[in-house]
Each structure stands twice: as structure tokens, then as C-alpha cells.
C-alpha atoms as a PDB file:
ATOM      1  CA  LYS A   1      33.328 -57.998 -10.967  1.00  0.00           C
ATOM      2  CA  GLY A   2      36.286 -56.141 -12.429  1.00  0.00           C
ATOM      3  CA  GLY A   3      36.578 -52.847 -14.139  1.00  0.00           C
ATOM      4  CA  THR A   4      39.006 -50.294 -15.416  1.00  0.00           C
ATOM      5  CA  PRO A   5      41.166 -48.755 -12.684  1.00  0.00           C
ATOM      6  CA  ASN A   6      40.374 -45.149 -11.870  1.00  0.00           C
ATOM      7  CA  ALA A   7      43.421 -43.109 -12.913  1.00  0.00           C
ATOM      8  CA  ILE A   8      42.602 -40.261 -10.511  1.00  0.00           C
ATOM      9  CA  ILE A   9      42.469 -42.588  -7.487  1.00  0.00           C
ATOM     10  CA  THR A  10      45.679 -44.280  -8.665  1.00  0.00           C
ATOM     11  CA  LEU A  11      47.356 -40.867  -8.812  1.00  0.00           C
ATOM     12  CA  GLY A  12      46.125 -39.987  -5.316  1.00  0.00           C
ATOM     13  CA  ASN A  13      47.330 -43.288  -3.867  1.00  0.00           C
ATOM     14  CA  GLY A  14      50.700 -42.924  -5.563  1.00  0.00           C
ATOM     15  CA  LEU A  15      51.179 -39.439  -4.177  1.00  0.00           C
ATOM     16  CA  MET A  16      50.576 -40.534  -0.569  1.00  0.00           C
ATOM     17  CA  GLY A  17      54.102 -41.835  -0.076  1.00  0.00           C
ATOM     18  CA  PHE A  18      55.502 -38.891  -1.994  1.00  0.00           C
ATOM     19  CA  MET A  19      53.801 -36.477   0.431  1.00  0.00           C
ATOM     20  CA  VAL A  20      55.194 -38.256   3.485  1.00  0.00           C
ATOM     21  CA  GLY A  21      58.664 -38.346   1.929  1.00  0.00           C
ATOM     22  CA  GLY A  22      58.351 -34.645   1.117  1.00  0.00           C
ATOM     23  CA  ALA A  23      57.608 -33.887   4.761  1.00  0.00           C
ATOM     24  CA  PHE A  24      60.792 -35.723   5.728  1.00  0.00           C
ATOM     25  CA  LYS A  25      62.771 -33.507   3.321  1.00  0.00           C
ATOM     26  CA  LEU A  26      60.996 -30.253   4.260  1.00  0.00           C
ATOM     27  CA  PHE A  27      61.437 -30.632   8.022  1.00  0.00           C
ATOM     28  CA  PRO A  28      64.893 -32.198   8.511  1.00  0.00           C
ATOM     29  CA  LYS A  29      65.389 -30.822  12.034  1.00  0.00           C
ATOM     30  CA  LEU A  30      62.244 -32.403  13.476  1.00  0.00           C
ATOM     31  CA  LYS A  31      62.197 -35.876  14.988  1.00  0.00           C
ATOM     32  CA  PRO A  32      61.261 -38.591  12.473  1.00  0.00           C
ATOM     33  CA  GLU A  33      58.034 -39.281  14.364  1.00  0.00           C
ATOM     34  CA  ALA A  34      56.951 -35.638  14.021  1.00  0.00           C
ATOM     35  CA  ARG A  35      57.816 -35.648  10.315  1.00  0.00           C
ATOM     36  CA  LEU A  36      55.777 -38.831   9.881  1.00  0.00           C
ATOM     37  CA  ILE A  37      52.758 -37.260  11.579  1.00  0.00           C
ATOM     38  CA  ILE A  38      53.017 -34.047   9.532  1.00  0.00           C
ATOM     39  CA  GLY A  39      53.444 -36.001   6.296  1.00  0.00           C
ATOM     40  CA  VAL A  40      50.480 -38.266   6.963  1.00  0.00           C
ATOM     41  CA  TYR A  41      48.134 -35.364   7.702  1.00  0.00           C
ATOM     42  CA  ILE A  42      49.294 -33.435   4.622  1.00  0.00           C
ATOM     43  CA  SER A  43      48.731 -36.611   2.624  1.00  0.00           C
ATOM     44  CA  MET A  44      45.257 -36.996   4.146  1.00  0.00           C
ATOM     45  CA  LEU A  45      44.227 -33.494   3.140  1.00  0.00           C
ATOM     46  CA  VAL A  46      45.723 -33.519  -0.350  1.00  0.00           C
ATOM     47  CA  CYS A  47      45.336 -37.160  -1.391  1.00  0.00           C
ATOM     48  CA  THR A  48      42.507 -38.758   0.600  1.00  0.00           C
ATOM     49  CA  LEU A  49      40.134 -35.827   0.979  1.00  0.00           C
ATOM     50  CA  GLY A  50      41.284 -34.110  -2.210  1.00  0.00           C
ATOM     51  CA  ILE A  51      42.404 -36.238  -5.147  1.00  0.00           C
ATOM     52  CA  ASN A  52      40.838 -39.591  -4.168  1.00  0.00           C
ATOM     53  CA  THR A  53      37.488 -38.008  -3.308  1.00  0.00           C
ATOM     54  CA  LEU A  54      37.562 -36.261  -6.674  1.00  0.00           C
ATOM     55  CA  GLY A  55      38.219 -39.650  -8.292  1.00  0.00           C
ATOM     56  CA  LEU A  56      35.183 -41.101  -6.520  1.00  0.00           C
ATOM     57  CA  ALA A  57      33.100 -38.136  -7.670  1.00  0.00           C
ATOM     58  CA  VAL A  58      34.133 -38.768 -11.267  1.00  0.00           C
ATOM     59  CA  MET A  59      33.490 -42.509 -11.001  1.00  0.00           C
ATOM     60  CA  TYR A  60      30.230 -42.534  -9.063  1.00  0.00           C
ATOM     61  CA  GLY A  61      28.892 -39.035  -9.572  1.00  0.00           C
ATOM     62  CA  SER A  62      25.456 -38.205 -10.876  1.00  0.00           C
ATOM     63  CA  PRO A  63      25.379 -36.982 -14.486  1.00  0.00           C
ATOM     64  CA  SER A  64      22.877 -34.298 -13.482  1.00  0.00           C
ATOM     65  CA  PHE A  65      25.407 -32.646 -11.130  1.00  0.00           C
ATOM     66  CA  SER A  66      28.548 -30.732 -11.993  1.00  0.00           C
ATOM     67  CA  LEU A  67      31.923 -32.207 -11.081  1.00  0.00           C
ATOM     68  CA  TRP A  68      32.199 -30.000  -7.983  1.00  0.00           C
ATOM     69  CA  GLN A  69      28.680 -30.855  -6.824  1.00  0.00           C
ATOM     70  CA  ASN A  70      29.593 -34.531  -7.105  1.00  0.00           C
ATOM     71  CA  TYR A  71      32.836 -33.871  -5.217  1.00  0.00           C
ATOM     72  CA  LEU A  72      30.971 -32.206  -2.350  1.00  0.00           C
ATOM     73  CA  ALA A  73      28.400 -35.004  -2.338  1.00  0.00           C
ATOM     74  CA  GLN A  74      31.176 -37.616  -1.994  1.00  0.00           C
ATOM     75  CA  LEU A  75      32.927 -35.579   0.688  1.00  0.00           C
ATOM     76  CA  VAL A  76      30.003 -34.558   2.896  1.00  0.00           C
ATOM     77  CA  PHE A  77      27.055 -36.881   2.319  1.00  0.00           C
ATOM     78  CA  GLY A  78      26.631 -40.602   2.745  1.00  0.00           C
ATOM     79  CA  THR A  79      25.965 -42.971   5.602  1.00  0.00           C
ATOM     80  CA  VAL A  80      29.094 -41.657   7.323  1.00  0.00           C
ATOM     81  CA  PRO A  81      30.479 -38.452   5.767  1.00  0.00           C
ATOM     82  CA  ARG A  82      33.938 -39.012   4.292  1.00  0.00           C
ATOM     83  CA  VAL A  83      35.182 -35.721   5.720  1.00  0.00           C
ATOM     84  CA  LEU A  84      34.443 -36.997   9.263  1.00  0.00           C
ATOM     85  CA  PHE A  85      35.254 -40.695   8.887  1.00  0.00           C
ATOM     86  CA  GLN A  86      38.577 -40.590   7.000  1.00  0.00           C
ATOM     87  CA  PRO A  87      40.461 -38.434   9.550  1.00  0.00           C
ATOM     88  CA  ILE A  88      39.493 -40.907  12.286  1.00  0.00           C
ATOM     89  CA  VAL A  89      40.670 -43.898  10.243  1.00  0.00           C
ATOM     90  CA  ILE A  90      43.896 -42.145   9.266  1.00  0.00           C
ATOM     91  CA  THR A  91      44.613 -41.159  12.882  1.00  0.00           C
ATOM     92  CA  VAL A  92      44.218 -44.778  14.023  1.00  0.00           C
ATOM     93  CA  ASN A  93      46.459 -45.964  11.167  1.00  0.00           C
ATOM     94  CA  LEU A  94      48.988 -43.278  12.083  1.00  0.00           C
ATOM     95  CA  ALA A  95      49.090 -44.441  15.709  1.00  0.00           C
ATOM     96  CA  ILE A  96      49.756 -48.008  14.538  1.00  0.00           C
ATOM     97  CA  THR A  97      52.397 -46.848  12.045  1.00  0.00           C
ATOM     98  CA  THR A  98      54.194 -44.707  14.621  1.00  0.00           C
ATOM     99  CA  GLY A  99      54.235 -47.638  17.040  1.00  0.00           C
ATOM    100  CA  LEU A 100      55.654 -49.885  14.327  1.00  0.00           C
ATOM    101  CA  TYR A 101      58.283 -47.262  13.557  1.00  0.00           C
ATOM    102  CA  PHE A 102      59.749 -47.627  17.057  1.00  0.00           C
ATOM    103  CA  VAL A 103      59.649 -51.430  16.937  1.00  0.00           C
ATOM    104  CA  LEU A 104      61.197 -51.657  13.465  1.00  0.00           C
ATOM    105  CA  ARG A 105      63.887 -49.107  14.298  1.00  0.00           C
ATOM    106  CA  LYS A 106      65.015 -51.251  17.236  1.00  0.00           C
ATOM    107  CA  TYR A 107      64.763 -54.427  15.131  1.00  0.00           C
ATOM    108  CA  PHE A 108      66.869 -53.001  12.313  1.00  0.00           C
ATOM    109  CA  ALA A 109      69.475 -51.764  14.786  1.00  0.00           C
ATOM    110  CA  LYS A 110      69.713 -55.060  16.673  1.00  0.00           C
ATOM    111  CA  TYR A 111      69.366 -57.731  13.997  1.00  0.00           C
ATOM    112  CA  LEU A 112      70.420 -56.079  10.757  1.00  0.00           C
ATOM    113  CA  GLY A 113      73.235 -53.947  12.101  1.00  0.00           C
ATOM    114  CA  PHE A 114      71.729 -50.571  11.213  1.00  0.00           C
ATOM    115  CA  SER A 115      72.598 -47.858  13.678  1.00  0.00           C
ATOM    116  CA  GLN A 116      69.897 -45.891  15.442  1.00  0.00           C
ATOM    117  CA  GLN A 117      70.377 -42.284  14.412  1.00  0.00           C
ATOM    118  CA  LYS A 118      69.803 -39.747  17.121  1.00  0.00           C
ATOM    119  CA  SER A 119      67.455 -36.964  16.056  1.00  0.00           C
ATOM    120  CA  SER A 120      68.344 -33.398  16.939  1.00  0.00           C
END
């Protein structure tokens, strides 16, 4: 069953990569792995727990509640509260992504001729 895409969730998902890229620009002296971790957690707070949860509140919220009551309901209540569950999921995804970063960096250096840059 299809439906119209939620523009607020689309905005939040689009900003996720922007937030991680911003962390890489804001902290140029840190190792890439540290910048990745910082960017992902900033993205989690702003996009996942902020913008996307607001989009869910708009889409599935009760008409008898205000927008902010619906936002809090989406964030805190439910079978597993979003505010507890999403950080766990994002941390697991971050561990996988960081592991892939090391593997892909070696792959690109060996097979595609890209040099491995040393971080200061």
C-alpha cells in the first residue's frame, strides 16, 4: 500500500549525510574515524531523534494532541521507546560502518591505486 512520501522525513534523511560531512569539515585535525563517530552522533540527535521523529509525529499523531505532544509521544512511548532504541541501533550501525571504513580504505589503496592518507 503506497502513499505520499513524508517531506519532513525526507528532509531528515537527506541531512544525515550532510551532518557527517559537516563533522569532517569542522574537525579537520581529528582522525577520520573520530570525525565519523562525531558526525554520526550529531546526525542521530538532529536528524533521527529530531527531524524524523517530528515527521512521524506529523504523520501518525493524534488530532487531539498538539504537535509537540505528538512529538513526545513518538519519542518516548511505544513498545520500545524511540529515544532508547535508536541510539542502540545507530551505535551498532556505526561499529559496522567504522569497520568497513578500514577495509575499504585498504581496498582502495591496494586495488584502485588511491594512497592511504596519514591522519595527524
